[in-house]
C-alpha atoms as a PDB file:
ATOM      1  CA  MET A   1     304.298 -12.544 206.831  1.00  0.00           C
ATOM      2  CA  ALA A   2     302.165 -10.212 204.735  1.00  0.00           C
ATOM      3  CA  ILE A   3     299.089  -8.624 206.229  1.00  0.00           C
ATOM      4  CA  PRO A   4     296.043  -9.180 204.012  1.00  0.00           C
ATOM      5  CA  THR A   5     294.704  -5.977 202.564  1.00  0.00           C
ATOM      6  CA  THR A   6     291.233  -7.350 201.880  1.00  0.00           C
ATOM      7  CA  PRO A   7     289.213  -8.183 204.991  1.00  0.00           C
ATOM      8  CA  ARG A   8     287.675 -11.633 205.148  1.00  0.00           C
ATOM      9  CA  PRO A   9     283.879 -11.853 205.225  1.00  0.00           C
ATOM     10  CA  ILE A  10     282.252 -12.509 208.593  1.00  0.00           C
ATOM     11  CA  THR A  11     281.103 -15.912 207.315  1.00  0.00           C
ATOM     12  CA  ALA A  12     284.769 -16.972 207.283  1.00  0.00           C
ATOM     13  CA  LEU A  13     284.672 -16.809 211.072  1.00  0.00           C
ATOM     14  CA  ASP A  14     281.676 -19.139 211.439  1.00  0.00           C
ATOM     15  CA  VAL A  15     282.347 -22.252 213.495  1.00  0.00           C
ATOM     16  CA  PRO A  16     280.069 -25.283 213.226  1.00  0.00           C
ATOM     17  CA  ALA A  17     277.677 -25.579 216.167  1.00  0.00           C
ATOM     18  CA  GLU A  18     278.939 -29.117 216.853  1.00  0.00           C
ATOM     19  CA  GLN A  19     282.463 -27.823 217.338  1.00  0.00           C
ATOM     20  CA  VAL A  20     281.286 -25.091 219.696  1.00  0.00           C
ATOM     21  CA  ALA A  21     279.248 -27.622 221.711  1.00  0.00           C
ATOM     22  CA  ALA A  22     282.252 -29.951 221.936  1.00  0.00           C
ATOM     23  CA  GLU A  23     284.455 -27.130 223.251  1.00  0.00           C
ATOM     24  CA  VAL A  24     282.074 -26.044 226.032  1.00  0.00           C
ATOM     25  CA  PRO A  25     283.258 -28.585 228.655  1.00  0.00           C
ATOM     26  CA  LEU A  26     286.889 -27.771 227.898  1.00  0.00           C
ATOM     27  CA  ARG A  27     286.288 -24.038 228.178  1.00  0.00           C
ATOM     28  CA  LYS A  28     284.434 -24.525 231.481  1.00  0.00           C
ATOM     29  CA  ALA A  29     287.343 -26.574 232.849  1.00  0.00           C
ATOM     30  CA  ILE A  30     289.822 -23.886 231.796  1.00  0.00           C
ATOM     31  CA  ALA A  31     287.673 -21.230 233.460  1.00  0.00           C
ATOM     32  CA  ARG A  32     287.526 -23.248 236.704  1.00  0.00           C
ATOM     33  CA  GLU A  33     291.299 -23.690 236.743  1.00  0.00           C
ATOM     34  CA  THR A  34     291.781 -19.990 236.073  1.00  0.00           C
ATOM     35  CA  GLU A  35     289.507 -19.156 239.009  1.00  0.00           C
ATOM     36  CA  LEU A  36     291.446 -21.550 241.259  1.00  0.00           C
ATOM     37  CA  GLY A  37     294.728 -19.943 240.317  1.00  0.00           C
ATOM     38  CA  ALA A  38     297.272 -20.407 243.066  1.00  0.00           C
ATOM     39  CA  ASP A  39     295.066 -22.934 244.900  1.00  0.00           C
ATOM     40  CA  ALA A  40     295.472 -25.400 242.034  1.00  0.00           C
ATOM     41  CA  GLN A  41     299.232 -24.938 242.154  1.00  0.00           C
ATOM     42  CA  VAL A  42     299.218 -25.571 245.904  1.00  0.00           C
ATOM     43  CA  SER A  43     297.229 -28.770 245.357  1.00  0.00           C
ATOM     44  CA  ALA A  44     299.679 -29.974 242.726  1.00  0.00           C
ATOM     45  CA  LEU A  45     302.620 -29.168 244.988  1.00  0.00           C
ATOM     46  CA  SER A  46     300.947 -30.956 247.905  1.00  0.00           C
ATOM     47  CA  LEU A  47     300.436 -34.083 245.805  1.00  0.00           C
ATOM     48  CA  SER A  48     304.057 -33.984 244.648  1.00  0.00           C
ATOM     49  CA  LEU A  49     305.244 -33.632 248.236  1.00  0.00           C
ATOM     50  CA  TYR A  50     303.015 -36.519 249.358  1.00  0.00           C
ATOM     51  CA  LEU A  51     304.340 -38.800 246.607  1.00  0.00           C
ATOM     52  CA  ALA A  52     307.932 -37.853 247.404  1.00  0.00           C
ATOM     53  CA  THR A  53     307.507 -38.611 251.113  1.00  0.00           C
ATOM     54  CA  HIS A  54     305.483 -41.836 250.736  1.00  0.00           C
ATOM     55  CA  PRO A  55     307.633 -44.208 248.665  1.00  0.00           C
ATOM     56  CA  ASP A  56     305.188 -47.090 249.236  1.00  0.00           C
ATOM     57  CA  VAL A  57     302.416 -45.408 247.217  1.00  0.00           C
ATOM     58  CA  HIS A  58     301.883 -47.241 243.934  1.00  0.00           C
ATOM     59  CA  VAL A  59     302.623 -45.205 240.859  1.00  0.00           C
ATOM     60  CA  SER A  60     302.965 -46.447 237.289  1.00  0.00           C
ATOM     61  CA  THR A  61     306.310 -47.770 236.175  1.00  0.00           C
ATOM     62  CA  GLU A  62     307.665 -49.024 232.863  1.00  0.00           C
ATOM     63  CA  ALA A  63     306.846 -52.569 234.006  1.00  0.00           C
ATOM     64  CA  ASP A  64     303.127 -51.650 234.095  1.00  0.00           C
ATOM     65  CA  TYR A  65     303.169 -50.875 230.350  1.00  0.00           C
ATOM     66  CA  PRO A  66     305.512 -53.304 228.570  1.00  0.00           C
ATOM     67  CA  GLY A  67     306.336 -52.277 225.024  1.00  0.00           C
ATOM     68  CA  TRP A  68     304.907 -48.771 225.401  1.00  0.00           C
ATOM     69  CA  THR A  69     306.830 -46.093 223.531  1.00  0.00           C
ATOM     70  CA  PRO A  70     306.245 -42.462 224.579  1.00  0.00           C
ATOM     71  CA  GLY A  71     304.911 -40.393 221.700  1.00  0.00           C
ATOM     72  CA  ARG A  72     304.189 -43.378 219.494  1.00  0.00           C
ATOM     73  CA  THR A  73     301.439 -42.602 217.000  1.00  0.00           C
ATOM     74  CA  ALA A  74     300.962 -46.046 215.438  1.00  0.00           C
END
């Protein structure tokens, strides 16, 4: 990949305000998860352990979504 020799103008970096506004909640969620760090991993592990040790807990199965194909785009 060639490195451009002519710098792009600063206007090329402009992002529409609507896009920035739409990304704010996502960026806040990422920041919260980053702050949680290991605590979030412990929570996920705890939930996995609970589900593994409580076989009567309802979780989704293929029967709940007849005809569903993973990754289908149409």
